[in-house]
Amino acid sequence: LILFCGMQTEITGSSGEMSSTIYITLIFILEIYCSFVLVFPIASVFQERKIWNPSPHLPSLSFHAHIKIYLVNAVWMALTLIGGLILLPKAVVGKLLGKGFAVQREAHFVERTTSAICTYVFLVPSVEIDGIENLPPTSEDGTSPAPVYIANHTSLIDLAVVFLLNKRLKWVS
């Protein structure tokens, strides 16, 4: 149960009322998103079930596998929420000051770390990537060639493993 702690603030004066209203609204939005972190992974369990059950070549998912899928998605959403909240002040201050504080590198680090945690803790103990030496090196200035990584994306596992390449990338769908 998520408590609405923002309602416990007292509203005093017009400027205090405005800041309290903003605070209450932000807390409410955060609480809604946090509850989505617990509810939305249920949809991914049903999606994985649709992928695995009709195939005669794949075993059906066990109860244990359903729990793992739920946990991967819930932990992924929670960690990216935390990472996003940590990066939010830098992005907002950069916009307000016109300095253009880019957070793409840090955001990619958050996603890469999150995918590693979810993959190694919930899915498999190790991942071996064959042929990574054939990929062009990542340059700091962004002038390196841009290979195309293709995953069939029938499962969230595809996303997690692509992040394990440890290369900066952008998604196209």
N, C-alpha and C. Protein backbone atom coordinates (compact mmCIF):
# COMPACT_ATOMS: atom_id res chain seq x y z
N LEU A 1 0.86 -1.19 0.00
CA LEU A 1 0.00 0.00 0.00
C LEU A 1 0.90 1.24 0.00
N ILE A 2 0.63 2.12 -0.92
CA ILE A 2 1.42 3.35 -1.03
C ILE A 2 0.65 4.46 -0.33
N LEU A 3 1.29 5.11 0.65
CA LEU A 3 0.63 6.17 1.40
C LEU A 3 0.82 7.49 0.68
N PHE A 4 -0.18 8.34 0.72
CA PHE A 4 -0.10 9.64 0.07
C PHE A 4 0.46 10.62 1.08
N CYS A 5 1.78 10.61 1.24
CA CYS A 5 2.45 11.41 2.28
C CYS A 5 2.42 12.89 1.96
N GLY A 6 2.19 13.27 0.72
CA GLY A 6 2.14 14.68 0.36
C GLY A 6 0.95 15.40 0.98
N MET A 7 -0.10 14.69 1.31
CA MET A 7 -1.30 15.32 1.88
C MET A 7 -1.08 15.73 3.33
N GLN A 8 -0.02 15.29 3.95
CA GLN A 8 0.22 15.60 5.35
C GLN A 8 0.81 16.99 5.56
N THR A 9 1.13 17.70 4.48
CA THR A 9 1.71 19.04 4.63
C THR A 9 0.60 20.05 4.88
N GLU A 10 0.90 21.02 5.70
CA GLU A 10 -0.06 22.08 5.96
C GLU A 10 0.14 23.20 4.95
N ILE A 11 -0.97 23.81 4.53
CA ILE A 11 -0.91 24.89 3.56
C ILE A 11 -1.04 26.21 4.32
N THR A 12 -0.02 27.05 4.21
CA THR A 12 -0.04 28.33 4.90
C THR A 12 0.31 29.44 3.93
N GLY A 13 -0.51 30.44 3.82
CA GLY A 13 -0.23 31.60 2.96
C GLY A 13 -0.33 31.25 1.48
N SER A 14 -0.33 32.29 0.63
CA SER A 14 -0.52 32.06 -0.80
C SER A 14 0.71 31.43 -1.45
N SER A 15 1.93 31.88 -1.09
CA SER A 15 3.13 31.28 -1.68
C SER A 15 3.34 29.87 -1.14
N GLY A 16 3.04 29.66 0.11
CA GLY A 16 3.13 28.33 0.71
C GLY A 16 2.10 27.40 0.11
N GLU A 17 0.93 27.96 -0.22
CA GLU A 17 -0.12 27.16 -0.84
C GLU A 17 0.30 26.69 -2.22
N MET A 18 0.94 27.57 -2.98
CA MET A 18 1.37 27.21 -4.33
C MET A 18 2.45 26.13 -4.29
N SER A 19 3.45 26.30 -3.42
CA SER A 19 4.53 25.30 -3.36
C SER A 19 4.01 23.98 -2.80
N SER A 20 3.08 24.06 -1.87
CA SER A 20 2.50 22.84 -1.31
C SER A 20 1.68 22.10 -2.37
N THR A 21 0.95 22.85 -3.20
CA THR A 21 0.17 22.23 -4.27
C THR A 21 1.08 21.55 -5.28
N ILE A 22 2.18 22.19 -5.62
CA ILE A 22 3.14 21.60 -6.55
C ILE A 22 3.75 20.35 -5.93
N TYR A 23 4.10 20.44 -4.66
CA TYR A 23 4.68 19.30 -3.96
C TYR A 23 3.69 18.13 -3.93
N ILE A 24 2.44 18.40 -3.60
CA ILE A 24 1.43 17.35 -3.54
C ILE A 24 1.24 16.72 -4.92
N THR A 25 1.22 17.54 -5.96
CA THR A 25 1.04 17.03 -7.31
C THR A 25 2.22 16.15 -7.71
N LEU A 26 3.44 16.58 -7.43
CA LEU A 26 4.62 15.79 -7.78
C LEU A 26 4.65 14.47 -7.02
N ILE A 27 4.31 14.50 -5.75
CA ILE A 27 4.27 13.27 -4.96
C ILE A 27 3.20 12.33 -5.51
N PHE A 28 2.06 12.88 -5.89
CA PHE A 28 0.98 12.06 -6.43
C PHE A 28 1.42 11.39 -7.74
N ILE A 29 2.08 12.14 -8.62
CA ILE A 29 2.54 11.59 -9.89
C ILE A 29 3.58 10.49 -9.63
N LEU A 30 4.48 10.73 -8.70
CA LEU A 30 5.49 9.73 -8.36
C LEU A 30 4.85 8.47 -7.80
N GLU A 31 3.85 8.62 -6.96
CA GLU A 31 3.17 7.45 -6.39
C GLU A 31 2.44 6.66 -7.46
N ILE A 32 1.81 7.36 -8.40
CA ILE A 32 1.13 6.67 -9.50
C ILE A 32 2.15 5.86 -10.30
N TYR A 33 3.28 6.48 -10.66
CA TYR A 33 4.29 5.77 -11.44
C TYR A 33 4.85 4.59 -10.65
N CYS A 34 5.08 4.77 -9.36
CA CYS A 34 5.59 3.67 -8.55
C CYS A 34 4.61 2.51 -8.51
N SER A 35 3.31 2.79 -8.50
CA SER A 35 2.35 1.70 -8.54
C SER A 35 2.35 1.03 -9.90
N PHE A 36 2.64 1.78 -10.98
CA PHE A 36 2.77 1.16 -12.31
C PHE A 36 3.94 0.18 -12.33
N VAL A 37 4.99 0.48 -11.57
CA VAL A 37 6.15 -0.41 -11.51
C VAL A 37 5.73 -1.79 -10.99
N LEU A 38 4.72 -1.82 -10.14
CA LEU A 38 4.25 -3.09 -9.59
C LEU A 38 3.17 -3.75 -10.45
N VAL A 39 2.42 -2.95 -11.22
CA VAL A 39 1.30 -3.49 -11.99
C VAL A 39 1.68 -3.83 -13.43
N PHE A 40 2.40 -2.98 -14.13
CA PHE A 40 2.71 -3.19 -15.54
C PHE A 40 3.50 -4.46 -15.83
N PRO A 41 4.39 -4.90 -14.96
CA PRO A 41 5.10 -6.15 -15.27
C PRO A 41 4.17 -7.36 -15.42
N ILE A 42 2.98 -7.29 -14.90
CA ILE A 42 2.03 -8.39 -15.07
C ILE A 42 1.71 -8.57 -16.56
N ALA A 43 1.61 -7.47 -17.30
CA ALA A 43 1.35 -7.56 -18.74
C ALA A 43 2.49 -8.26 -19.46
N SER A 44 3.73 -8.04 -19.02
CA SER A 44 4.86 -8.70 -19.67
C SER A 44 4.85 -10.21 -19.40
N VAL A 45 4.34 -10.61 -18.26
CA VAL A 45 4.22 -12.04 -17.98
C VAL A 45 3.26 -12.68 -18.98
N PHE A 46 2.13 -12.02 -19.23
CA PHE A 46 1.18 -12.55 -20.21
C PHE A 46 1.76 -12.55 -21.61
N GLN A 47 2.56 -11.52 -21.95
CA GLN A 47 3.20 -11.47 -23.27
C GLN A 47 4.17 -12.64 -23.45
N GLU A 48 5.01 -12.88 -22.46
CA GLU A 48 5.94 -14.00 -22.54
C GLU A 48 5.19 -15.33 -22.62
N ARG A 49 4.10 -15.42 -21.92
CA ARG A 49 3.29 -16.64 -21.94
C ARG A 49 2.73 -16.89 -23.33
N LYS A 50 2.30 -15.81 -24.01
CA LYS A 50 1.80 -15.95 -25.39
C LYS A 50 2.91 -16.43 -26.32
N ILE A 51 4.13 -16.01 -26.08
CA ILE A 51 5.25 -16.40 -26.94
C ILE A 51 5.59 -17.88 -26.73
N TRP A 52 5.64 -18.32 -25.49
CA TRP A 52 6.13 -19.66 -25.18
C TRP A 52 5.08 -20.76 -25.32
N ASN A 53 3.84 -20.51 -24.98
CA ASN A 53 2.85 -21.58 -24.93
C ASN A 53 2.48 -22.18 -26.28
N PRO A 54 2.27 -21.39 -27.35
CA PRO A 54 1.82 -22.03 -28.58
C PRO A 54 2.90 -22.79 -29.35
N SER A 55 4.13 -22.63 -28.98
CA SER A 55 5.22 -23.25 -29.74
C SER A 55 5.42 -24.70 -29.32
N PRO A 56 5.40 -25.63 -30.29
CA PRO A 56 5.68 -27.03 -29.94
C PRO A 56 7.16 -27.28 -29.68
N HIS A 57 8.02 -26.33 -30.08
CA HIS A 57 9.47 -26.50 -29.92
C HIS A 57 9.99 -25.94 -28.60
N LEU A 58 9.17 -25.20 -27.90
CA LEU A 58 9.59 -24.60 -26.64
C LEU A 58 8.80 -25.19 -25.49
N PRO A 59 9.44 -25.37 -24.34
CA PRO A 59 8.69 -25.85 -23.18
C PRO A 59 7.75 -24.75 -22.67
N SER A 60 6.68 -25.14 -22.02
CA SER A 60 5.79 -24.13 -21.45
C SER A 60 6.47 -23.51 -20.23
N LEU A 61 6.05 -22.30 -19.90
CA LEU A 61 6.67 -21.60 -18.78
C LEU A 61 6.19 -22.15 -17.44
N SER A 62 7.12 -22.36 -16.55
CA SER A 62 6.77 -22.83 -15.21
C SER A 62 6.34 -21.63 -14.36
N PHE A 63 5.82 -21.92 -13.20
CA PHE A 63 5.45 -20.86 -12.26
C PHE A 63 6.68 -20.06 -11.88
N HIS A 64 7.79 -20.74 -11.70
CA HIS A 64 9.06 -20.08 -11.36
C HIS A 64 9.47 -19.11 -12.46
N ALA A 65 9.30 -19.49 -13.72
CA ALA A 65 9.64 -18.61 -14.86
C ALA A 65 8.73 -17.38 -14.88
N HIS A 66 7.45 -17.56 -14.56
CA HIS A 66 6.53 -16.42 -14.50
C HIS A 66 6.99 -15.40 -13.45
N ILE A 67 7.41 -15.90 -12.31
CA ILE A 67 7.90 -15.02 -11.24
C ILE A 67 9.16 -14.29 -11.69
N LYS A 68 10.08 -15.00 -12.37
CA LYS A 68 11.31 -14.37 -12.85
C LYS A 68 11.00 -13.26 -13.85
N ILE A 69 10.06 -13.50 -14.76
CA ILE A 69 9.69 -12.49 -15.76
C ILE A 69 9.11 -11.27 -15.06
N TYR A 70 8.25 -11.49 -14.10
CA TYR A 70 7.67 -10.37 -13.35
C TYR A 70 8.77 -9.58 -12.64
N LEU A 71 9.68 -10.27 -11.96
CA LEU A 71 10.74 -9.60 -11.21
C LEU A 71 11.70 -8.84 -12.13
N VAL A 72 12.05 -9.42 -13.27
CA VAL A 72 12.92 -8.72 -14.22
C VAL A 72 12.28 -7.39 -14.60
N ASN A 73 11.01 -7.41 -14.96
CA ASN A 73 10.34 -6.19 -15.40
C ASN A 73 10.15 -5.20 -14.26
N ALA A 74 9.77 -5.67 -13.09
CA ALA A 74 9.56 -4.76 -11.95
C ALA A 74 10.88 -4.12 -11.53
N VAL A 75 11.95 -4.91 -11.44
CA VAL A 75 13.25 -4.37 -11.05
C VAL A 75 13.77 -3.41 -12.12
N TRP A 76 13.60 -3.78 -13.40
CA TRP A 76 14.05 -2.91 -14.50
C TRP A 76 13.34 -1.56 -14.42
N MET A 77 12.03 -1.57 -14.25
CA MET A 77 11.27 -0.32 -14.17
C MET A 77 11.67 0.49 -12.93
N ALA A 78 11.86 -0.19 -11.81
CA ALA A 78 12.22 0.52 -10.57
C ALA A 78 13.61 1.16 -10.68
N LEU A 79 14.58 0.42 -11.20
CA LEU A 79 15.94 0.96 -11.29
C LEU A 79 16.02 2.10 -12.30
N THR A 80 15.30 1.99 -13.41
CA THR A 80 15.32 3.09 -14.37
C THR A 80 14.57 4.31 -13.82
N LEU A 81 13.55 4.08 -12.99
CA LEU A 81 12.88 5.20 -12.33
C LEU A 81 13.85 5.92 -11.41
N ILE A 82 14.58 5.17 -10.61
CA ILE A 82 15.55 5.77 -9.69
C ILE A 82 16.64 6.51 -10.47
N GLY A 83 17.16 5.88 -11.52
CA GLY A 83 18.17 6.53 -12.35
C GLY A 83 17.66 7.79 -13.00
N GLY A 84 16.41 7.74 -13.49
CA GLY A 84 15.81 8.92 -14.10
C GLY A 84 15.62 10.06 -13.11
N LEU A 85 15.23 9.72 -11.89
CA LEU A 85 15.06 10.76 -10.86
C LEU A 85 16.40 11.36 -10.46
N ILE A 86 17.45 10.55 -10.47
CA ILE A 86 18.78 11.08 -10.15
C ILE A 86 19.25 12.01 -11.26
N LEU A 87 18.97 11.68 -12.52
CA LEU A 87 19.43 12.50 -13.66
C LEU A 87 18.53 13.70 -13.94
N LEU A 88 17.32 13.70 -13.41
CA LEU A 88 16.36 14.77 -13.69
C LEU A 88 16.88 16.16 -13.32
N PRO A 89 17.45 16.37 -12.13
CA PRO A 89 17.93 17.73 -11.80
C PRO A 89 18.97 18.24 -12.79
N LYS A 90 19.89 17.39 -13.20
CA LYS A 90 20.92 17.82 -14.16
C LYS A 90 20.27 18.24 -15.49
N ALA A 91 19.31 17.49 -15.95
CA ALA A 91 18.64 17.81 -17.21
C ALA A 91 17.83 19.10 -17.10
N VAL A 92 17.11 19.28 -15.98
CA VAL A 92 16.29 20.48 -15.80
C VAL A 92 17.16 21.72 -15.65
N VAL A 93 18.21 21.64 -14.84
CA VAL A 93 19.10 22.79 -14.64
C VAL A 93 19.77 23.16 -15.96
N GLY A 94 20.17 22.16 -16.71
CA GLY A 94 20.78 22.41 -18.01
C GLY A 94 19.84 23.12 -18.96
N LYS A 95 18.58 22.73 -18.96
CA LYS A 95 17.58 23.39 -19.81
C LYS A 95 17.33 24.82 -19.35
N LEU A 96 17.20 25.02 -18.04
CA LEU A 96 16.90 26.35 -17.51
C LEU A 96 18.05 27.33 -17.74
N LEU A 97 19.28 26.85 -17.60
CA LEU A 97 20.44 27.72 -17.78
C LEU A 97 20.88 27.81 -19.24
N GLY A 98 20.28 26.99 -20.08
CA GLY A 98 20.66 27.00 -21.48
C GLY A 98 22.04 26.42 -21.72
N LYS A 99 22.55 25.70 -20.74
CA LYS A 99 23.89 25.12 -20.86
C LYS A 99 23.86 23.82 -21.65
N GLY A 100 22.70 23.22 -21.76
CA GLY A 100 22.60 21.97 -22.50
C GLY A 100 23.33 20.82 -21.84
N PHE A 101 23.13 20.62 -20.54
CA PHE A 101 23.73 19.49 -19.85
C PHE A 101 23.11 18.21 -20.39
N ALA A 102 23.81 17.53 -21.24
CA ALA A 102 23.27 16.30 -21.82
C ALA A 102 23.38 15.16 -20.81
N VAL A 103 22.36 14.35 -20.77
CA VAL A 103 22.35 13.21 -19.86
C VAL A 103 22.27 11.89 -20.62
N GLN A 104 22.50 11.91 -21.93
CA GLN A 104 22.39 10.67 -22.71
C GLN A 104 23.38 9.61 -22.25
N ARG A 105 24.62 10.01 -22.01
CA ARG A 105 25.63 9.03 -21.58
C ARG A 105 25.26 8.41 -20.23
N GLU A 106 24.83 9.26 -19.31
CA GLU A 106 24.46 8.76 -17.99
C GLU A 106 23.21 7.88 -18.08
N ALA A 107 22.25 8.28 -18.91
CA ALA A 107 21.03 7.49 -19.07
C ALA A 107 21.36 6.13 -19.68
N HIS A 108 22.26 6.11 -20.64
CA HIS A 108 22.67 4.83 -21.25
C HIS A 108 23.38 3.96 -20.21
N PHE A 109 24.18 4.59 -19.35
CA PHE A 109 24.85 3.84 -18.28
C PHE A 109 23.81 3.22 -17.35
N VAL A 110 22.77 3.98 -17.00
CA VAL A 110 21.71 3.46 -16.13
C VAL A 110 21.05 2.25 -16.78
N GLU A 111 20.71 2.35 -18.06
CA GLU A 111 20.06 1.24 -18.76
C GLU A 111 20.98 0.03 -18.87
N ARG A 112 22.25 0.27 -19.19
CA ARG A 112 23.20 -0.83 -19.35
C ARG A 112 23.39 -1.55 -18.00
N THR A 113 23.53 -0.78 -16.93
CA THR A 113 23.70 -1.37 -15.60
C THR A 113 22.45 -2.13 -15.17
N THR A 114 21.29 -1.53 -15.45
CA THR A 114 20.02 -2.18 -15.10
C THR A 114 19.87 -3.49 -15.86
N SER A 115 20.18 -3.49 -17.14
CA SER A 115 20.03 -4.72 -17.91
C SER A 115 21.01 -5.79 -17.42
N ALA A 116 22.22 -5.38 -17.04
CA ALA A 116 23.18 -6.35 -16.51
C ALA A 116 22.67 -6.96 -15.21
N ILE A 117 22.16 -6.12 -14.32
CA ILE A 117 21.63 -6.63 -13.05
C ILE A 117 20.48 -7.59 -13.30
N CYS A 118 19.54 -7.19 -14.13
CA CYS A 118 18.37 -8.04 -14.39
C CYS A 118 18.76 -9.33 -15.10
N THR A 119 19.69 -9.26 -16.03
CA THR A 119 20.10 -10.46 -16.76
C THR A 119 20.82 -11.43 -15.85
N TYR A 120 21.82 -10.94 -15.11
CA TYR A 120 22.64 -11.84 -14.31
C TYR A 120 21.94 -12.33 -13.05
N VAL A 121 21.06 -11.54 -12.48
CA VAL A 121 20.38 -11.96 -11.25
C VAL A 121 19.18 -12.86 -11.55
N PHE A 122 18.38 -12.50 -12.58
CA PHE A 122 17.12 -13.20 -12.79
C PHE A 122 17.12 -14.18 -13.97
N LEU A 123 17.99 -13.99 -14.96
CA LEU A 123 17.87 -14.81 -16.16
C LEU A 123 18.97 -15.86 -16.28
N VAL A 124 20.20 -15.44 -16.46
CA VAL A 124 21.31 -16.38 -16.65
C VAL A 124 22.53 -15.89 -15.86
N PRO A 125 23.37 -16.82 -15.43
CA PRO A 125 24.54 -16.39 -14.65
C PRO A 125 25.63 -15.75 -15.49
N SER A 126 25.68 -16.06 -16.79
CA SER A 126 26.70 -15.43 -17.64
C SER A 126 26.19 -15.33 -19.07
N VAL A 127 26.72 -14.37 -19.79
CA VAL A 127 26.38 -14.18 -21.20
C VAL A 127 27.69 -14.14 -21.97
N GLU A 128 27.76 -14.94 -23.03
CA GLU A 128 28.95 -14.94 -23.88
C GLU A 128 28.57 -14.32 -25.22
N ILE A 129 29.28 -13.29 -25.62
CA ILE A 129 29.01 -12.61 -26.88
C ILE A 129 30.13 -12.97 -27.85
N ASP A 130 29.76 -13.68 -28.90
CA ASP A 130 30.73 -14.08 -29.92
C ASP A 130 30.82 -13.01 -30.99
N GLY A 131 32.03 -12.67 -31.41
CA GLY A 131 32.22 -11.75 -32.53
C GLY A 131 32.21 -10.29 -32.16
N ILE A 132 32.25 -9.95 -30.88
CA ILE A 132 32.21 -8.53 -30.49
C ILE A 132 33.46 -7.79 -30.98
N GLU A 133 34.53 -8.51 -31.21
CA GLU A 133 35.75 -7.87 -31.72
C GLU A 133 35.57 -7.37 -33.15
N ASN A 134 34.55 -7.86 -33.84
CA ASN A 134 34.28 -7.43 -35.22
C ASN A 134 33.51 -6.11 -35.28
N LEU A 135 32.98 -5.66 -34.16
CA LEU A 135 32.26 -4.40 -34.13
C LEU A 135 33.24 -3.23 -34.07
N PRO A 136 32.88 -2.11 -34.68
CA PRO A 136 33.80 -0.96 -34.63
C PRO A 136 33.89 -0.43 -33.20
N PRO A 137 35.07 0.11 -32.85
CA PRO A 137 35.22 0.66 -31.49
C PRO A 137 34.34 1.90 -31.33
N THR A 138 33.89 2.11 -30.12
CA THR A 138 33.07 3.28 -29.82
C THR A 138 33.99 4.47 -29.60
N SER A 139 33.75 5.55 -30.32
CA SER A 139 34.57 6.75 -30.14
C SER A 139 33.81 7.76 -29.30
N GLU A 140 34.54 8.60 -28.60
CA GLU A 140 33.95 9.61 -27.73
C GLU A 140 33.25 10.70 -28.52
N ASP A 141 33.75 11.02 -29.72
CA ASP A 141 33.16 12.12 -30.49
C ASP A 141 32.02 11.68 -31.39
N GLY A 142 31.71 10.39 -31.40
CA GLY A 142 30.58 9.90 -32.17
C GLY A 142 30.85 9.75 -33.66
N THR A 143 32.12 9.71 -34.07
CA THR A 143 32.44 9.61 -35.49
C THR A 143 32.64 8.17 -35.95
N SER A 144 32.52 7.22 -35.07
CA SER A 144 32.71 5.82 -35.47
C SER A 144 31.52 5.36 -36.31
N PRO A 145 31.73 4.35 -37.16
CA PRO A 145 30.62 3.85 -37.96
C PRO A 145 29.52 3.31 -37.05
N ALA A 146 28.31 3.36 -37.55
CA ALA A 146 27.16 2.93 -36.75
C ALA A 146 26.63 1.60 -37.27
N PRO A 147 27.03 0.50 -36.63
CA PRO A 147 26.47 -0.79 -37.06
C PRO A 147 25.01 -0.89 -36.66
N VAL A 148 24.30 -1.77 -37.30
CA VAL A 148 22.89 -1.98 -36.99
C VAL A 148 22.78 -3.31 -36.24
N TYR A 149 22.25 -3.26 -35.05
CA TYR A 149 22.01 -4.45 -34.25
C TYR A 149 20.54 -4.83 -34.46
N ILE A 150 20.30 -6.07 -34.82
CA ILE A 150 18.94 -6.50 -35.08
C ILE A 150 18.58 -7.62 -34.11
N ALA A 151 17.50 -7.41 -33.40
CA ALA A 151 16.96 -8.45 -32.52
C ALA A 151 15.49 -8.61 -32.88
N ASN A 152 15.00 -9.83 -32.82
CA ASN A 152 13.61 -10.04 -33.22
C ASN A 152 12.62 -9.47 -32.21
N HIS A 153 13.08 -9.14 -31.05
CA HIS A 153 12.31 -8.49 -30.00
C HIS A 153 10.97 -9.17 -29.73
N THR A 154 11.00 -10.47 -29.64
CA THR A 154 9.80 -11.16 -29.21
C THR A 154 9.74 -11.22 -27.69
N SER A 155 10.82 -10.83 -27.05
CA SER A 155 10.90 -10.94 -25.61
C SER A 155 11.73 -9.79 -25.04
N LEU A 156 11.54 -9.50 -23.78
CA LEU A 156 12.35 -8.48 -23.10
C LEU A 156 13.81 -8.91 -23.00
N ILE A 157 14.04 -10.19 -23.05
CA ILE A 157 15.41 -10.70 -22.95
C ILE A 157 16.27 -10.14 -24.07
N ASP A 158 15.69 -9.93 -25.26
CA ASP A 158 16.44 -9.34 -26.37
C ASP A 158 17.00 -7.98 -25.99
N LEU A 159 16.17 -7.16 -25.36
CA LEU A 159 16.61 -5.83 -24.97
C LEU A 159 17.76 -5.89 -23.97
N ALA A 160 17.62 -6.75 -23.00
CA ALA A 160 18.65 -6.84 -21.96
C ALA A 160 19.98 -7.29 -22.55
N VAL A 161 19.96 -8.25 -23.45
CA VAL A 161 21.20 -8.76 -24.01
C VAL A 161 21.85 -7.75 -24.94
N VAL A 162 21.07 -7.00 -25.71
CA VAL A 162 21.65 -5.99 -26.59
C VAL A 162 22.37 -4.92 -25.77
N PHE A 163 21.84 -4.54 -24.62
CA PHE A 163 22.53 -3.57 -23.77
C PHE A 163 23.85 -4.13 -23.24
N LEU A 164 23.96 -5.45 -23.14
CA LEU A 164 25.20 -6.05 -22.64
C LEU A 164 26.35 -5.95 -23.63
N LEU A 165 26.08 -5.51 -24.87
CA LEU A 165 27.17 -5.30 -25.84
C LEU A 165 28.11 -4.20 -25.39
N ASN A 166 27.66 -3.37 -24.46
CA ASN A 166 28.45 -2.26 -23.92
C ASN A 166 28.82 -1.26 -25.02
N LYS A 167 27.88 -1.02 -25.92
CA LYS A 167 28.03 -0.04 -26.99
C LYS A 167 26.91 0.97 -26.87
N ARG A 168 27.20 2.22 -27.18
CA ARG A 168 26.13 3.22 -27.21
C ARG A 168 25.23 2.93 -28.39
N LEU A 169 23.95 3.01 -28.19
CA LEU A 169 23.02 2.68 -29.26
C LEU A 169 21.75 3.51 -29.14
N LYS A 170 21.00 3.52 -30.21
CA LYS A 170 19.68 4.14 -30.23
C LYS A 170 18.71 3.12 -30.77
N TRP A 171 17.49 3.18 -30.26
CA TRP A 171 16.48 2.22 -30.68
C TRP A 171 15.64 2.76 -31.81
N VAL A 172 15.34 1.93 -32.76
CA VAL A 172 14.43 2.26 -33.86
C VAL A 172 13.39 1.14 -33.88
N SER A 173 12.13 1.52 -33.90
CA SER A 173 11.10 0.48 -33.95
C SER A 173 10.15 0.72 -35.09
